[in-house]
Amino acid sequence: MHPLEGVSRWTNPDQPDAYIVIGTSAASKGRSSLQCRQCKETTALISNAAVVEERDRLLTWYRPTPMSACRTPGCENQGRDVVEAPEAYQRFGRTDTGSPRYRCRVCRRTFSSCRSVTHRLRQPEKTLEVYRYLINRVAMRRLCEIADIRPATLYQRIELIHERCRAFAAFHERPLLAGKLLGNVHIATDRQEHLLNWASAIDRRQSVLMATASAEGKSGYILAQHVNFDPDADPFACDLAAREAGDPDLHVGFRRFARLWLPHERLDASPSGDREAELTTHEDFRPASRGTPVHENIAMAAHFQVLRRLLAGADHIQFSLDREPGIERTCLLTFADRIRRGSLDAFLVRINKTLTVNAKRAALWEAEAALARERTNHPGRSDVEVLFAMLAARYRVAVQNIPRPRDRWIVHPYPAINEPERASVCLTDNGQRETGRLLQGYARASLRSIDRYFMQIRRKIHLLERPIHSSSADGRAFYGYSAYSALVVIRLLDIFRVTYNFHLTGKQKTTPAQRLGLTDRVWTLDEILAFEGG
C-alpha cells in the first residue's frame, strides 16, 4: 500500500476499522503498532497527547520574553509585560542607576525595568568576545584563556547569549506563525547526531542527542531545529510520578509520561528492530544527569507540528526527506490534509555517501559527458531543457517497468559533487499528480540546504565536532573537546541557528533571513545581543 493511502485511512473518521492494534501481549514490552487490514503494513503507535505536549514546549521559543513584569506570586499581573499590558501598571520614578520603576495596580508592589540586559555585568564587552569565539571554532578551555575569564563566567555568558538570540529570532519569526505569505517553498529535513562524553571514569556510558532540522531550499533559512531533550524535566521525579501513575504496566502510546524516556523504560526495554529500542538497551548508553531525553518519534512528530504552524502561509510545500527512520511517515501523517488537497508533495532522497572525492569527480565527469551527448542530440535547447528531457525519459522508463509508485527511484541526470548518485522517489504520487509537476519535484529534490548547515555546525562549533572512535576505548567514542552537558549543546545549536540565519552571508552577500523576507539587512553580532524587541 502506498503511504498516501495509509494517511487517508488514518485520518478518515468514516473508516475507523481500517487498522488493527498489534503487539498487545506482554512480550511486546509496551511497543504496540497499527497494522493496515489491506496491505498488512505497520506503523508505531504513539501518544497524541505526548506529541502535543512536546509541540507546546517547543512553541514557547516564540513567546515574548517579559523584560518588565510583576513578579509577585499569585498576582493576576504576574508575568504580564509592561509593553503588552501598560494599563496594568503605573510609572513610579527611576532607580539610582536610571532604570524606570513601575508599580503594579493590583498588588501595589514595585519593580524596575533594566536599561540593558548587560548593565549588571562587570565586563559586558566580554559577552561579544565570547560570542565571536563560540562560532569560530575555538575550544572552550582555549576560549577561557584567550578571553581571560573563568569557566563559570563562560557558561553564564553562553546562557545570556542564548537568551538574547532566542528573543531576537522569536521576534523575527513570529510573522511565520501569523501566516506570513511564503508562496511555494521547498523544505529539506534531516537529523544530526551529537554524542556527549562520559562525565567520570566510573560511568563511561555515552549520551546521544538527535537534532532534527529543516531548511528552506531557496533561501537556506533554517526554519526549525529541535533536539530530543527536555532540560527542565527531572528524570527521577518524572520516573517516580510515572511509576505512581502505573506507566510501566501500560503500552507506550497510553502512558501519562509517554513523551519522556525514563529510567524504568531502559530496564524494561527489549530489542524490537527499531533504532531507539536498540539505543536504549545498549549497555554503554548513559541517561542524562540533568534533564530528560524525549523519545525520538515524539520529538520528530513535534518538529513537524511546529513546521506545520510556521508554513501555514505557504501556497505549496515540497519536502525533501532524508532516509532516517520514521521521517517519511511522520511527515505524511502531519500534513495529510495538505496532501489530499494537492498542496504538498514529499520526496525521499538517497545519496551515496561512501564515495571518495575522486569517485565523486569521476561521476560528475560522466554526467557532464552524458549532458554533452544530449546537447548534440537536441541542438537549440538550453541545458535546463536538456536536463529536464533526460529526467522525463528516466521517469517514463520507471513508470513502464515499476508498477508501484513507491519504488520508482529516479536518479538525477546531473547530481552535484556534494550529492553523488542522488536519487529520489515521490511519496505522494497517487496516480493523480500531473507529470510535469512530478518532474519538477524530482528535479528540485535535494538535501543540499540542510547538509550545508550541518556541515557548518561541525566546522564552526568546536564543541560539536565529530568524535573519534578508538579501538583502545573498546569502540567508545571520545573527543577531548566534546560537551558533557546536553543543555550546553542545545544552547550552542540555538545560538548558531540564529547566527546562521541572520548574520552569516553567502556569495550574494545576503543572509538566509534576507532571502526569505524576514529582514532587510545583515545583523551584526553586537546588534543581536543588544536587540530589545523580543
Protein backbone atom coordinates (compact mmCIF):
# COMPACT_ATOMS: atom_id res chain seq x y z
CA MET A 1 0.00 0.00 0.00
CA HIS A 2 1.24 3.49 -0.83
CA PRO A 3 1.88 5.70 2.24
CA LEU A 4 -0.60 8.26 0.96
CA GLU A 5 -3.38 5.67 1.07
CA GLY A 6 -2.48 4.89 4.66
CA VAL A 7 -2.63 8.56 5.54
CA SER A 8 -6.09 8.86 4.05
CA ARG A 9 -7.46 5.95 6.07
CA TRP A 10 -5.67 7.03 9.25
CA THR A 11 -7.33 10.44 9.19
CA ASN A 12 -10.72 9.37 7.86
CA PRO A 13 -13.31 9.00 10.66
CA ASP A 14 -15.58 7.09 8.25
CA GLN A 15 -13.14 4.15 8.29
CA PRO A 16 -12.36 3.54 11.98
CA ASP A 17 -11.72 -0.17 11.37
CA ALA A 18 -9.08 0.30 8.68
CA TYR A 19 -6.38 -0.66 11.19
CA ILE A 20 -5.94 -3.20 13.95
CA VAL A 21 -3.70 -2.86 17.02
CA ILE A 22 -0.95 -5.48 17.27
CA GLY A 23 1.69 -6.06 19.93
CA THR A 24 -0.65 -6.02 22.92
CA SER A 25 0.88 -9.06 24.58
CA ALA A 26 3.29 -8.89 27.49
CA ALA A 27 6.14 -9.95 25.21
CA SER A 28 5.87 -6.71 23.24
CA LYS A 29 7.08 -4.71 26.28
CA GLY A 30 4.58 -1.92 25.64
CA ARG A 31 5.54 -1.29 21.99
CA SER A 32 2.25 -1.56 20.10
CA SER A 33 1.69 -0.92 16.39
CA LEU A 34 -1.16 -0.27 14.00
CA GLN A 35 -1.48 -2.70 11.09
CA CYS A 36 -3.37 -1.93 7.90
CA ARG A 37 -6.03 -4.56 7.21
CA GLN A 38 -5.48 -4.24 3.47
CA CYS A 39 -1.70 -4.42 2.97
CA LYS A 40 -0.54 -5.59 6.42
CA GLU A 41 1.98 -2.73 6.75
CA THR A 42 2.52 -1.49 10.29
CA THR A 43 3.24 1.85 11.91
CA ALA A 44 4.26 2.54 15.50
CA LEU A 45 1.52 3.60 17.89
CA ILE A 46 2.47 6.79 19.73
CA SER A 47 0.67 9.11 22.12
CA ASN A 48 -1.01 12.14 20.52
CA ALA A 49 -1.06 13.81 23.94
CA ALA A 50 2.71 13.40 24.19
CA VAL A 51 3.21 14.96 20.75
CA VAL A 52 1.02 17.94 21.65
CA GLU A 53 2.84 18.36 24.96
CA GLU A 54 6.22 18.40 23.22
CA ARG A 55 4.94 20.70 20.47
CA ASP A 56 3.68 23.21 23.03
CA ARG A 57 7.04 23.08 24.81
CA LEU A 58 8.85 23.84 21.56
CA LEU A 59 6.48 26.70 20.71
CA THR A 60 7.50 28.53 23.90
CA TRP A 61 10.56 29.60 21.87
CA TYR A 62 8.37 32.17 20.12
CA ARG A 63 6.82 33.70 23.22
CA PRO A 64 7.92 37.25 24.08
CA THR A 65 10.41 37.46 26.92
CA PRO A 66 8.88 39.52 29.73
CA MET A 67 11.58 42.12 30.39
CA SER A 68 9.45 44.16 32.82
CA ALA A 69 6.59 42.46 34.64
CA CYS A 70 5.15 41.99 38.08
CA ARG A 71 6.95 39.22 39.97
CA THR A 72 4.53 38.79 42.87
CA PRO A 73 3.40 35.13 43.13
CA GLY A 74 -0.36 34.82 42.76
CA CYS A 75 -0.87 38.32 41.36
CA GLU A 76 -3.04 38.40 38.26
CA ASN A 77 -0.41 40.62 36.56
CA GLN A 78 2.43 38.21 37.26
CA GLY A 79 4.43 37.76 34.05
CA ARG A 80 2.41 40.37 32.09
CA ASP A 81 4.92 42.58 30.34
CA VAL A 82 4.69 46.37 30.65
CA VAL A 83 4.85 46.74 26.89
CA GLU A 84 1.98 44.28 26.27
CA ALA A 85 -0.25 45.49 29.15
CA PRO A 86 0.64 49.11 30.00
CA GLU A 87 -2.77 49.63 31.63
CA ALA A 88 -1.82 47.15 34.37
CA TYR A 89 1.00 49.35 35.70
CA GLN A 90 1.86 52.92 36.53
CA ARG A 91 5.23 54.66 36.33
CA PHE A 92 6.88 55.08 39.72
CA GLY A 93 10.08 57.05 39.19
CA ARG A 94 13.55 55.65 38.49
CA THR A 95 16.20 53.66 40.33
CA ASP A 96 19.61 55.03 41.35
CA THR A 97 21.09 53.64 38.11
CA GLY A 98 18.44 55.33 35.97
CA SER A 99 16.25 52.33 35.20
CA PRO A 100 12.49 53.08 35.10
CA ARG A 101 10.43 51.81 38.04
CA TYR A 102 6.80 50.63 37.81
CA ARG A 103 4.06 49.79 40.33
CA CYS A 104 1.51 47.06 39.82
CA ARG A 105 -2.07 48.35 40.02
CA VAL A 106 -3.28 45.07 41.59
CA CYS A 107 -0.77 44.12 44.28
CA ARG A 108 0.82 47.60 44.57
CA ARG A 109 4.32 46.11 44.53
CA THR A 110 7.07 47.94 42.62
CA PHE A 111 9.69 46.61 40.24
CA SER A 112 12.27 48.09 37.88
CA SER A 113 12.96 47.64 34.17
CA CYS A 114 16.59 47.06 33.23
CA ARG A 115 18.03 49.57 30.81
CA SER A 116 20.18 46.83 29.27
CA VAL A 117 20.47 43.08 29.66
CA THR A 118 24.19 43.55 30.40
CA HIS A 119 24.04 46.52 32.75
CA ARG A 120 24.81 44.36 35.83
CA LEU A 121 27.82 42.63 34.27
CA ARG A 122 31.26 43.70 35.40
CA GLN A 123 32.77 43.20 31.93
CA PRO A 124 29.91 43.42 29.41
CA GLU A 125 32.34 43.62 26.49
CA LYS A 126 33.36 40.01 27.19
CA THR A 127 29.94 38.80 26.02
CA LEU A 128 30.55 39.82 22.41
CA GLU A 129 34.06 38.39 22.57
CA VAL A 130 32.74 35.04 23.79
CA TYR A 131 30.06 35.08 21.07
CA ARG A 132 32.68 35.56 18.33
CA TYR A 133 34.88 32.75 19.63
CA LEU A 134 31.99 30.30 20.06
CA ILE A 135 31.00 30.45 16.39
CA ASN A 136 34.58 30.41 15.08
CA ARG A 137 35.83 27.02 16.20
CA VAL A 138 37.52 27.93 19.47
CA ALA A 139 37.61 25.23 22.15
CA MET A 140 36.02 26.07 25.50
CA ARG A 141 39.21 25.85 27.56
CA ARG A 142 41.12 27.82 24.96
CA LEU A 143 38.32 30.41 24.89
CA CYS A 144 38.68 30.96 28.64
CA GLU A 145 42.42 31.53 28.18
CA ILE A 146 42.02 33.99 25.29
CA ALA A 147 39.16 35.95 26.87
CA ASP A 148 40.73 35.74 30.34
CA ILE A 149 37.57 34.51 32.04
CA ARG A 150 36.70 31.65 34.37
CA PRO A 151 34.70 28.60 33.13
CA ALA A 152 31.75 29.64 35.31
CA THR A 153 31.75 33.04 33.61
CA LEU A 154 31.88 31.38 30.20
CA TYR A 155 28.77 29.27 30.82
CA GLN A 156 26.98 32.28 32.30
CA ARG A 157 27.72 34.26 29.12
CA ILE A 158 26.58 31.36 26.94
CA GLU A 159 23.25 31.42 28.79
CA LEU A 160 22.98 35.18 28.24
CA ILE A 161 23.85 34.91 24.52
CA HIS A 162 21.30 32.12 24.12
CA GLU A 163 18.55 34.20 25.73
CA ARG A 164 19.33 37.19 23.51
CA CYS A 165 19.39 35.03 20.38
CA ARG A 166 16.10 33.43 21.37
CA ALA A 167 14.41 36.80 21.85
CA PHE A 168 15.87 38.12 18.58
CA ALA A 169 14.80 35.10 16.48
CA ALA A 170 11.36 34.86 18.13
CA PHE A 171 10.60 38.48 17.25
CA HIS A 172 11.51 37.98 13.58
CA GLU A 173 9.88 34.56 13.21
CA ARG A 174 6.50 35.38 14.75
CA PRO A 175 5.20 36.58 11.35
CA LEU A 176 5.57 32.97 10.15
CA LEU A 177 3.28 31.80 12.96
CA ALA A 178 0.87 34.58 11.99
CA GLY A 179 0.59 33.15 8.45
CA LYS A 180 3.17 35.19 6.52
CA LEU A 181 2.71 34.52 2.79
CA LEU A 182 5.59 32.41 1.52
CA GLY A 183 4.42 31.25 -1.91
CA ASN A 184 5.92 27.93 -2.98
CA VAL A 185 8.60 26.59 -0.65
CA HIS A 186 10.99 23.64 -0.73
CA ILE A 187 11.89 22.19 2.68
CA ALA A 188 14.77 19.79 3.32
CA THR A 189 14.63 17.79 6.58
CA ASP A 190 17.34 15.66 8.15
CA ARG A 191 18.77 14.71 11.54
CA GLN A 192 22.22 15.07 13.07
CA GLU A 193 23.67 13.05 15.93
CA HIS A 194 25.63 14.57 18.80
CA LEU A 195 27.47 12.47 21.38
CA LEU A 196 28.20 13.60 24.92
CA ASN A 197 31.37 12.47 26.66
CA TRP A 198 31.19 10.40 29.81
CA ALA A 199 31.37 12.51 32.93
CA SER A 200 33.56 10.27 35.08
CA ALA A 201 35.89 7.29 34.95
CA ILE A 202 33.32 5.27 36.92
CA ASP A 203 30.47 5.70 34.43
CA ARG A 204 31.80 5.69 30.85
CA ARG A 205 28.47 5.34 29.09
CA GLN A 206 27.52 7.86 26.41
CA SER A 207 24.53 10.13 25.91
CA VAL A 208 23.26 10.55 22.36
CA LEU A 209 21.28 13.57 21.21
CA MET A 210 19.40 13.72 17.90
CA ALA A 211 18.85 17.18 16.39
CA THR A 212 16.12 17.36 13.74
CA ALA A 213 16.35 20.41 11.48
CA SER A 214 14.51 21.72 8.41
CA ALA A 215 15.86 24.25 5.90
CA GLU A 216 14.08 26.24 3.21
CA GLY A 217 15.81 25.29 -0.03
CA LYS A 218 15.88 28.55 -1.98
CA SER A 219 16.93 30.85 0.86
CA GLY A 220 18.78 28.33 3.03
CA TYR A 221 16.89 29.58 6.10
CA ILE A 222 16.78 27.07 8.97
CA LEU A 223 13.12 27.18 9.90
CA ALA A 224 13.37 24.93 12.94
CA GLN A 225 15.89 22.86 14.84
CA HIS A 226 14.91 20.68 17.77
CA VAL A 227 16.83 18.30 20.00
CA ASN A 228 15.16 15.30 21.63
CA PHE A 229 15.91 16.53 25.12
CA ASP A 230 13.95 18.46 27.75
CA PRO A 231 16.44 20.24 30.06
CA ASP A 232 13.70 21.22 32.54
CA ALA A 233 12.33 17.74 33.25
CA ASP A 234 13.74 15.94 36.29
CA PRO A 235 14.28 12.31 35.21
CA PHE A 236 14.00 10.85 38.71
CA ALA A 237 10.96 12.90 39.76
CA CYS A 238 9.22 12.07 36.46
CA ASP A 239 10.15 8.40 36.81
CA LEU A 240 8.66 8.28 40.29
CA ALA A 241 5.47 10.00 39.09
CA ALA A 242 5.27 7.61 36.13
CA ARG A 243 5.50 4.59 38.42
CA GLU A 244 2.79 6.02 40.66
CA ALA A 245 0.60 6.55 37.57
CA GLY A 246 1.15 2.93 36.51
CA ASP A 247 3.02 3.76 33.29
CA PRO A 248 5.31 0.67 33.38
CA ASP A 249 2.21 -1.56 33.10
CA LEU A 250 0.73 0.38 30.16
CA HIS A 251 1.63 0.38 26.49
CA VAL A 252 3.80 3.24 25.31
CA GLY A 253 1.04 5.08 23.48
CA PHE A 254 -1.19 5.24 26.55
CA ARG A 255 1.28 6.30 29.23
CA ARG A 256 0.98 9.56 31.12
CA PHE A 257 4.68 10.28 30.62
CA ALA A 258 4.91 8.84 27.09
CA ARG A 259 6.87 11.89 25.92
CA LEU A 260 9.95 11.24 28.07
CA TRP A 261 12.49 8.44 28.03
CA LEU A 262 12.66 7.50 31.71
CA PRO A 263 14.96 5.16 33.64
CA HIS A 264 12.31 2.43 34.10
CA GLU A 265 11.96 2.13 30.31
CA ARG A 266 15.61 1.23 29.90
CA LEU A 267 15.23 -1.57 32.42
CA ASP A 268 12.11 -2.93 30.73
CA ALA A 269 13.12 -2.37 27.10
CA SER A 270 13.93 -5.18 24.69
CA PRO A 271 15.32 -5.07 21.14
CA SER A 272 12.44 -4.69 18.69
CA GLY A 273 14.24 -3.86 15.48
CA ASP A 274 13.82 -0.09 15.68
CA ARG A 275 16.70 2.28 16.23
CA GLU A 276 15.55 3.75 19.53
CA ALA A 277 14.94 0.35 21.14
CA GLU A 278 18.47 -0.73 20.25
CA LEU A 279 19.80 2.55 21.61
CA THR A 280 18.00 2.30 24.93
CA THR A 281 19.16 -1.27 25.55
CA HIS A 282 22.82 -0.60 24.69
CA GLU A 283 24.90 -1.19 27.80
CA ASP A 284 27.07 1.87 27.08
CA PHE A 285 24.14 4.29 26.92
CA ARG A 286 24.08 6.73 29.87
CA PRO A 287 20.91 8.61 30.92
CA ALA A 288 21.41 12.32 31.43
CA SER A 289 22.13 13.58 34.93
CA ARG A 290 20.21 16.80 34.33
CA GLY A 291 17.14 16.97 32.13
CA THR A 292 15.37 14.08 30.42
CA PRO A 293 15.61 12.71 26.86
CA VAL A 294 12.48 12.81 24.73
CA HIS A 295 11.54 9.78 22.66
CA GLU A 296 12.82 10.29 19.12
CA ASN A 297 9.49 9.58 17.45
CA ILE A 298 7.75 12.08 19.75
CA ALA A 299 10.42 14.73 19.16
CA MET A 300 10.22 14.23 15.39
CA ALA A 301 6.43 14.43 15.35
CA ALA A 302 6.55 17.64 17.40
CA HIS A 303 9.13 19.07 14.98
CA PHE A 304 6.78 18.58 12.03
CA GLN A 305 3.89 20.01 14.06
CA VAL A 306 5.93 23.19 14.60
CA LEU A 307 6.73 23.27 10.87
CA ARG A 308 3.02 22.99 10.14
CA ARG A 309 2.45 26.19 12.12
CA LEU A 310 5.39 28.01 10.54
CA LEU A 311 4.41 27.06 6.97
CA ALA A 312 0.71 27.92 7.28
CA GLY A 313 1.16 30.78 4.78
CA ALA A 314 2.79 28.66 2.06
CA ASP A 315 0.83 28.01 -1.14
CA HIS A 316 2.64 24.77 -1.97
CA ILE A 317 5.22 22.81 0.01
CA GLN A 318 7.71 20.27 -1.27
CA PHE A 319 9.57 18.19 1.29
CA SER A 320 12.89 16.52 0.57
CA LEU A 321 13.41 13.96 3.33
CA ASP A 322 16.49 12.00 4.30
CA ARG A 323 16.15 8.25 4.72
CA GLU A 324 16.14 8.45 8.51
CA PRO A 325 13.79 6.04 10.33
CA GLY A 326 10.32 7.47 10.79
CA ILE A 327 10.77 10.79 8.97
CA GLU A 328 8.65 9.97 5.95
CA ARG A 329 5.68 8.54 7.85
CA THR A 330 5.70 11.38 10.38
CA CYS A 331 5.74 13.98 7.60
CA LEU A 332 2.89 12.31 5.69
CA LEU A 333 0.71 11.98 8.77
CA THR A 334 1.32 15.57 9.89
CA PHE A 335 0.44 17.10 6.52
CA ALA A 336 -2.24 14.59 5.45
CA ASP A 337 -4.82 17.30 4.75
CA ARG A 338 -2.43 19.24 2.51
CA ILE A 339 -1.51 16.07 0.63
CA ARG A 340 -5.15 15.33 -0.14
CA ARG A 341 -5.67 18.92 -1.33
CA GLY A 342 -2.62 18.63 -3.56
CA SER A 343 -0.73 21.50 -1.89
CA LEU A 344 2.14 19.34 -0.61
CA ASP A 345 4.50 16.81 -2.18
CA ALA A 346 7.11 14.78 -0.34
CA PHE A 347 10.20 13.14 -1.81
CA LEU A 348 12.61 10.69 -0.22
CA VAL A 349 16.21 11.46 -1.22
CA ARG A 350 19.03 8.92 -1.46
CA ILE A 351 22.72 9.88 -1.71
CA ASN A 352 25.80 7.65 -1.92
CA LYS A 353 27.85 8.97 1.00
CA THR A 354 30.52 6.25 0.72
CA LEU A 355 32.21 7.60 -2.43
CA THR A 356 35.66 9.14 -2.22
CA VAL A 357 36.42 12.58 -3.64
CA ASN A 358 37.94 11.05 -6.77
CA ALA A 359 34.90 8.83 -7.26
CA LYS A 360 32.61 11.86 -6.89
CA ARG A 361 34.59 13.74 -9.52
CA ALA A 362 34.51 10.77 -11.86
CA ALA A 363 30.71 10.55 -11.50
CA LEU A 364 30.42 14.26 -12.23
CA TRP A 365 32.56 13.89 -15.36
CA GLU A 366 30.35 11.04 -16.57
CA ALA A 367 27.27 13.21 -16.02
CA GLU A 368 28.87 16.07 -17.97
CA ALA A 369 29.73 13.69 -20.82
CA ALA A 370 26.13 12.44 -20.93
CA LEU A 371 24.87 16.02 -20.93
CA ALA A 372 27.21 16.88 -23.82
CA ARG A 373 25.83 13.97 -25.87
CA GLU A 374 22.27 15.12 -25.22
CA ARG A 375 23.16 18.65 -26.28
CA THR A 376 24.31 17.21 -29.61
CA ASN A 377 21.07 15.26 -30.00
CA HIS A 378 18.94 18.31 -29.13
CA PRO A 379 20.54 21.38 -30.68
CA GLY A 380 18.98 24.70 -29.76
CA ARG A 381 17.86 23.61 -26.29
CA SER A 382 19.23 25.11 -23.10
CA ASP A 383 20.97 22.98 -20.50
CA VAL A 384 17.92 23.19 -18.25
CA GLU A 385 15.67 21.93 -21.03
CA VAL A 386 18.08 19.12 -21.87
CA LEU A 387 18.31 18.00 -18.23
CA PHE A 388 14.53 18.13 -17.90
CA ALA A 389 14.17 15.96 -21.03
CA MET A 390 16.66 13.43 -19.61
CA LEU A 391 14.73 13.34 -16.36
CA ALA A 392 11.42 12.87 -18.22
CA ALA A 393 12.86 9.95 -20.17
CA ARG A 394 14.05 8.24 -16.98
CA TYR A 395 10.64 8.77 -15.39
CA ARG A 396 8.83 7.20 -18.38
CA VAL A 397 11.08 4.13 -18.16
CA ALA A 398 10.39 3.82 -14.43
CA VAL A 399 6.62 4.07 -14.95
CA GLN A 400 6.72 1.34 -17.60
CA ASN A 401 8.88 -1.07 -15.60
CA ILE A 402 7.89 -0.37 -11.98
CA PRO A 403 4.15 -0.56 -11.25
CA ARG A 404 4.36 0.62 -7.62
CA PRO A 405 4.99 4.41 -7.42
CA ARG A 406 6.67 3.98 -4.02
CA ASP A 407 9.51 2.04 -5.70
CA ARG A 408 10.20 4.42 -8.60
CA TRP A 409 13.60 5.79 -7.66
CA ILE A 410 14.74 8.31 -10.28
CA VAL A 411 18.46 9.07 -10.49
CA HIS A 412 19.10 12.74 -11.19
CA PRO A 413 20.90 13.17 -14.54
CA TYR A 414 23.29 15.80 -13.20
CA PRO A 415 23.96 15.39 -9.45
CA ALA A 416 26.19 17.88 -7.66
CA ILE A 417 29.59 16.79 -6.36
CA ASN A 418 28.33 17.07 -2.78
CA GLU A 419 25.32 14.84 -3.60
CA PRO A 420 26.78 11.96 -5.66
CA GLU A 421 24.38 9.49 -7.28
CA ARG A 422 21.42 11.48 -5.99
CA ALA A 423 18.12 9.68 -6.48
CA SER A 424 14.63 10.42 -5.23
CA VAL A 425 11.18 8.88 -5.06
CA CYS A 426 7.86 10.69 -4.71
CA LEU A 427 5.93 9.60 -1.62
CA THR A 428 2.74 11.43 -2.62
CA ASP A 429 2.38 10.06 -6.17
CA ASN A 430 -1.13 8.62 -6.02
CA GLY A 431 -1.55 8.48 -9.78
CA GLN A 432 -3.41 11.79 -9.91
CA ARG A 433 -0.45 14.19 -9.88
CA GLU A 434 0.42 15.93 -13.15
CA THR A 435 3.54 14.54 -14.81
CA GLY A 436 5.07 17.98 -15.29
CA ARG A 437 4.63 18.78 -11.61
CA LEU A 438 6.20 15.46 -10.59
CA LEU A 439 9.19 16.06 -12.86
CA GLN A 440 9.73 19.50 -11.36
CA GLY A 441 9.64 17.88 -7.93
CA TYR A 442 12.20 15.26 -8.95
CA ALA A 443 14.44 18.00 -10.32
CA ARG A 444 14.28 20.01 -7.06
CA ALA A 445 14.50 17.09 -4.61
CA SER A 446 17.72 17.72 -2.71
CA LEU A 447 19.17 17.85 0.80
CA ARG A 448 21.85 20.39 -0.11
CA SER A 449 20.48 23.22 2.05
CA ILE A 450 20.26 21.20 5.27
CA ASP A 451 23.52 19.32 4.63
CA ARG A 452 25.35 22.62 4.26
CA TYR A 453 24.00 23.79 7.60
CA PHE A 454 25.03 20.56 9.32
CA MET A 455 28.49 20.86 7.78
CA GLN A 456 28.82 24.42 9.12
CA ILE A 457 27.91 23.21 12.61
CA ARG A 458 30.71 20.66 12.53
CA ARG A 459 33.21 23.17 11.16
CA LYS A 460 32.40 26.27 13.19
CA ILE A 461 31.48 24.91 16.64
CA HIS A 462 34.45 23.13 18.12
CA LEU A 463 32.35 21.52 20.82
CA LEU A 464 30.21 19.71 18.21
CA GLU A 465 32.95 18.31 16.01
CA ARG A 466 32.69 14.62 15.18
CA PRO A 467 34.12 12.42 17.95
CA ILE A 468 36.89 9.87 17.49
CA HIS A 469 36.28 6.13 17.70
CA SER A 470 39.32 4.32 19.05
CA SER A 471 39.96 0.61 19.47
CA SER A 472 41.73 1.24 22.78
CA ALA A 473 38.45 2.61 24.19
CA ASP A 474 36.63 -0.60 23.22
CA GLY A 475 34.76 1.15 20.42
CA ARG A 476 33.50 4.02 22.57
CA ALA A 477 33.65 7.49 21.02
CA PHE A 478 35.55 10.19 22.86
CA TYR A 479 36.74 13.62 21.88
CA GLY A 480 38.52 15.87 24.32
CA TYR A 481 36.60 18.98 23.27
CA SER A 482 33.10 17.48 23.17
CA ALA A 483 30.37 18.56 25.55
CA TYR A 484 29.43 16.90 28.81
CA SER A 485 26.10 18.74 29.17
CA ALA A 486 23.09 18.38 26.89
CA LEU A 487 21.92 21.86 27.89
CA VAL A 488 25.14 23.40 26.55
CA VAL A 489 24.69 21.55 23.25
CA ILE A 490 21.11 22.80 22.90
CA ARG A 491 22.13 26.38 23.62
CA LEU A 492 25.03 26.30 21.15
CA LEU A 493 22.80 24.85 18.42
CA ASP A 494 20.20 27.56 19.01
CA ILE A 495 22.87 30.27 19.01
CA PHE A 496 24.36 29.02 15.77
CA ARG A 497 20.96 28.72 14.06
CA VAL A 498 20.24 32.39 14.76
CA THR A 499 23.75 33.39 13.69
CA TYR A 500 23.49 31.32 10.50
CA ASN A 501 20.11 32.80 9.57
CA PHE A 502 20.70 36.47 10.35
CA HIS A 503 24.47 37.11 10.38
CA LEU A 504 26.39 34.79 8.06
CA THR A 505 26.22 35.77 4.39
CA GLY A 506 26.69 33.76 1.22
CA LYS A 507 28.11 34.59 -2.19
CA GLN A 508 25.32 37.11 -2.76
CA LYS A 509 26.31 38.96 0.45
CA THR A 510 22.86 38.33 1.89
CA THR A 511 21.69 36.20 4.80
CA PRO A 512 19.09 33.42 4.64
CA ALA A 513 16.68 35.65 6.59
CA GLN A 514 17.01 38.35 3.93
CA ARG A 515 16.36 35.89 1.13
CA LEU A 516 13.26 34.56 2.93
CA GLY A 517 11.96 38.09 3.54
CA LEU A 518 12.13 38.14 7.34
CA THR A 519 14.55 41.08 7.45
CA ASP A 520 16.04 43.61 5.07
CA ARG A 521 19.64 43.74 6.25
CA VAL A 522 22.57 41.83 7.71
CA TRP A 523 22.63 41.91 11.50
CA THR A 524 25.92 42.15 13.37
CA LEU A 525 26.62 40.07 16.46
CA ASP A 526 26.53 43.06 18.80
CA GLU A 527 23.17 44.13 17.30
CA ILE A 528 21.75 40.68 18.02
CA LEU A 529 22.97 40.88 21.61
CA ALA A 530 21.59 44.39 22.10
CA PHE A 531 18.21 43.67 20.49
CA GLU A 532 15.34 44.70 22.78
CA GLY A 533 12.31 43.89 20.64
CA GLY A 534 11.71 40.33 21.87
